[in-house]
Amino acid sequence: MQPLPKVASCPLRYYSSGGYCVPSSGGNSRGAIEKREAGCPLGFYSSGGYCVSSPSNEREAIQKTGKGCPLGWYSSGAYCVKGR
C-alpha cells in the first residue's frame, strides 16, 4: 500500500503524516482511494474521506475520468474496477 494524499480524516488503519495518510505498519491496511460524492465502488466501504477495500474484496479501483473505463475494467459509479 502507498501513502494517499490527505483530503479528509484518514481511513481506518492509516495514520496522518504531513499531508498524507500512511498505511499502518502492521500489514493490516487495505487499499484505499479518495471518495467521490457518489459514494464508493463495488467491494469498497466508506471510511473518512476515502473508500477502503472490504476484507473479502480482491478488486482494485481507480477514479473514472470521462465516461469510460480502460480495457479490462468495468464501471462502478464514479470509479473503474478491475478484478484481480
Protein backbone atom coordinates (compact mmCIF):
# COMPACT_ATOMS: atom_id res chain seq x y z
CA MET A 1 0.00 0.00 0.00
CA GLN A 2 1.16 3.51 -0.76
CA PRO A 3 0.51 6.77 1.10
CA LEU A 4 -2.56 8.71 -0.02
CA PRO A 5 -2.83 12.48 -0.32
CA LYS A 6 -4.75 13.64 2.75
CA VAL A 7 -8.10 15.14 1.73
CA ALA A 8 -10.06 14.44 4.93
CA SER A 9 -9.65 12.32 8.03
CA CYS A 10 -7.54 9.26 7.24
CA PRO A 11 -9.27 5.92 6.69
CA LEU A 12 -9.19 3.03 9.13
CA ARG A 13 -5.68 1.54 9.58
CA TYR A 14 -3.97 4.64 8.12
CA TYR A 15 -2.34 7.46 10.09
CA SER A 16 -1.72 11.11 9.25
CA SER A 17 1.85 12.16 8.38
CA GLY A 18 2.47 15.52 6.78
CA GLY A 19 -0.09 15.95 4.02
CA TYR A 20 -0.60 12.20 3.62
CA CYS A 21 -2.44 9.23 5.06
CA VAL A 22 0.10 6.45 5.53
CA PRO A 23 -0.79 2.75 5.86
CA SER A 24 -0.15 1.31 9.33
CA SER A 25 2.93 -0.87 9.54
CA GLY A 26 1.04 -3.88 10.91
CA GLY A 27 0.25 -5.09 7.40
CA ASN A 28 -3.49 -4.96 8.01
CA SER A 29 -4.07 -1.87 5.87
CA ARG A 30 -6.33 -2.30 2.89
CA GLY A 31 -6.29 -0.48 -0.41
CA ALA A 32 -7.96 2.91 -0.30
CA ILE A 33 -8.91 5.60 -2.80
CA GLU A 34 -10.35 9.08 -2.41
CA LYS A 35 -14.14 9.03 -2.05
CA ARG A 36 -16.25 10.91 -4.56
CA GLU A 37 -19.67 12.40 -3.86
CA ALA A 38 -21.44 9.47 -5.49
CA GLY A 39 -20.13 7.03 -2.87
CA CYS A 40 -17.81 4.03 -3.09
CA PRO A 41 -17.40 1.40 -5.81
CA LEU A 42 -18.43 -2.23 -5.51
CA GLY A 43 -16.32 -4.05 -2.90
CA PHE A 44 -15.31 -0.87 -1.02
CA TYR A 45 -16.75 0.86 2.06
CA SER A 46 -16.62 4.46 3.21
CA SER A 47 -14.05 5.46 5.86
CA GLY A 48 -13.33 9.14 6.41
CA GLY A 49 -12.93 10.82 3.02
CA TYR A 50 -11.90 7.54 1.41
CA CYS A 51 -13.22 4.27 0.07
CA VAL A 52 -11.43 1.28 1.62
CA SER A 53 -11.35 -2.22 0.20
CA SER A 54 -13.53 -4.63 2.18
CA PRO A 55 -11.78 -7.67 3.71
CA SER A 56 -13.03 -10.14 1.10
CA ASN A 57 -12.52 -7.78 -1.84
CA GLU A 58 -9.92 -8.81 -4.39
CA ARG A 59 -10.59 -5.92 -6.73
CA GLU A 60 -8.75 -2.70 -7.31
CA ALA A 61 -10.38 0.59 -8.23
CA ILE A 62 -9.40 3.89 -9.80
CA GLN A 63 -11.33 7.10 -10.22
CA LYS A 64 -13.06 7.30 -13.57
CA THR A 65 -12.08 10.14 -15.87
CA GLY A 66 -14.52 10.80 -18.67
CA LYS A 67 -17.32 8.37 -19.44
CA GLY A 68 -15.50 5.09 -19.93
CA CYS A 69 -13.01 2.76 -18.29
CA PRO A 70 -9.81 1.20 -19.65
CA LEU A 71 -9.91 -2.18 -21.33
CA GLY A 72 -10.38 -4.93 -18.72
CA TRP A 73 -12.01 -2.60 -16.18
CA TYR A 74 -15.74 -2.03 -15.59
CA SER A 75 -17.67 0.99 -14.44
CA SER A 76 -18.95 1.21 -10.85
CA GLY A 77 -20.39 4.65 -10.13
CA ALA A 78 -17.60 7.26 -10.38
CA TYR A 79 -14.93 4.53 -10.48
CA CYS A 80 -13.44 1.87 -12.71
CA VAL A 81 -12.99 -1.52 -11.03
CA LYS A 82 -10.78 -4.42 -12.04
CA GLY A 83 -10.96 -7.94 -10.64
CA ARG A 84 -7.62 -9.46 -9.57
